[in-house]
Amino acid sequence: MTLTGMQLANSTEPEKAIAALEGFKGKTFIGDVAVSAKTHQLERPYFVLRTKPKAEMKNDYDLGTIVERSTVMQPAELNECKDIGSF
C-alpha cells in the first residue's frame, strides 16, 4: 500500500504533508523510490524502451521491451531545483 503525504502526516495541512514526505523512502512496482528532502523530486529507477511495431504487440499496452534499467541517480546538476518555494 502506498501512503499519501496527508496519511503519513496524519494531517491535511500542506506544511505537515510536505514535511512527512521529505526524505520518504519506499518500494513500488518500479523499484525503490525516495523523495529528495532538498529538491522535493521523486528519485526512482528509469527505463529505456525499444518500441514494438504493431505486428509484434500482444495487446494495446505491449508498447515496448525494456532494454536498460538504471537505479543510478541522475546527476544533481541536471535536476537540482534552486527554489522550491515556501509557505
Protein backbone atom coordinates (compact mmCIF):
# COMPACT_ATOMS: atom_id res chain seq x y z
CA MET A 1 0.00 0.00 0.00
CA THR A 2 1.28 3.45 -0.87
CA LEU A 3 0.58 6.24 1.58
CA THR A 4 -0.03 9.85 0.66
CA GLY A 5 1.69 12.77 2.32
CA MET A 6 -1.53 13.51 4.20
CA GLN A 7 -1.69 9.94 5.52
CA LEU A 8 1.98 9.99 6.55
CA ALA A 9 1.47 13.31 8.33
CA ASN A 10 -1.96 12.36 9.67
CA SER A 11 -2.96 15.87 8.61
CA THR A 12 -4.36 17.80 5.64
CA GLU A 13 -2.12 20.78 6.40
CA PRO A 14 0.22 21.26 3.39
CA GLU A 15 3.25 22.09 5.55
CA LYS A 16 2.82 18.88 7.59
CA ALA A 17 2.30 16.73 4.47
CA ILE A 18 5.42 18.20 2.86
CA ALA A 19 7.49 17.60 5.98
CA ALA A 20 6.26 14.00 6.14
CA LEU A 21 7.25 13.35 2.53
CA GLU A 22 10.69 14.95 2.75
CA GLY A 23 13.17 12.11 2.82
CA PHE A 24 10.45 9.45 2.32
CA LYS A 25 11.74 6.10 1.03
CA GLY A 26 9.65 3.17 -0.10
CA LYS A 27 9.18 0.31 -2.53
CA THR A 28 6.85 0.48 -5.52
CA PHE A 29 6.13 -1.70 -8.53
CA ILE A 30 9.02 0.02 -10.36
CA GLY A 31 11.50 -0.46 -7.53
CA ASP A 32 12.87 1.62 -4.67
CA VAL A 33 11.80 5.27 -4.68
CA ALA A 34 12.61 8.25 -2.48
CA VAL A 35 11.56 11.89 -2.19
CA SER A 36 14.54 14.21 -2.05
CA ALA A 37 14.25 16.43 1.01
CA LYS A 38 16.33 19.07 -0.79
CA THR A 39 14.53 19.24 -4.14
CA HIS A 40 11.19 17.52 -3.38
CA GLN A 41 11.68 15.50 -6.55
CA LEU A 42 10.99 11.79 -6.81
CA GLU A 43 14.13 9.69 -7.17
CA ARG A 44 13.33 6.44 -8.95
CA PRO A 45 14.67 3.90 -11.41
CA TYR A 46 14.34 4.83 -15.04
CA PHE A 47 13.86 2.62 -18.06
CA VAL A 48 14.93 2.75 -21.69
CA LEU A 49 12.46 1.04 -24.00
CA ARG A 50 12.64 -0.18 -27.56
CA THR A 51 9.21 0.35 -29.06
CA LYS A 52 7.49 -2.54 -30.81
CA PRO A 53 5.90 -2.48 -34.23
CA LYS A 54 2.11 -3.01 -34.05
CA ALA A 55 2.52 -6.52 -35.52
CA GLU A 56 4.66 -7.60 -32.52
CA MET A 57 2.37 -6.17 -29.83
CA LYS A 58 0.46 -8.78 -27.78
CA ASN A 59 -2.13 -6.17 -26.73
CA ASP A 60 -2.69 -2.40 -26.77
CA TYR A 61 -0.37 -1.93 -23.77
CA ASP A 62 2.53 -4.03 -25.06
CA LEU A 63 4.32 -0.98 -26.43
CA GLY A 64 7.96 -1.87 -25.92
CA THR A 65 10.71 -4.01 -24.49
CA ILE A 66 12.88 -2.79 -21.63
CA VAL A 67 16.47 -2.69 -22.88
CA GLU A 68 18.04 -0.89 -19.91
CA ARG A 69 17.07 -0.21 -16.31
CA SER A 70 19.07 2.03 -14.05
CA THR A 71 19.00 2.79 -10.34
CA VAL A 72 21.84 5.30 -10.62
CA MET A 73 20.57 8.75 -9.78
CA GLN A 74 20.67 11.49 -12.38
CA PRO A 75 23.50 13.96 -11.64
CA ALA A 76 22.27 16.66 -9.27
CA GLU A 77 23.29 19.49 -11.59
CA LEU A 78 20.75 18.21 -14.13
CA ASN A 79 17.78 18.12 -11.77
CA GLU A 80 18.64 20.44 -8.91
CA CYS A 81 15.88 22.85 -8.04
CA LYS A 82 17.19 26.24 -6.96
CA ASP A 83 13.99 27.44 -5.27
CA ILE A 84 11.23 25.06 -4.19
CA GLY A 85 9.28 27.90 -2.64
CA SER A 86 7.97 28.26 0.86
CA PHE A 87 4.83 28.87 2.83
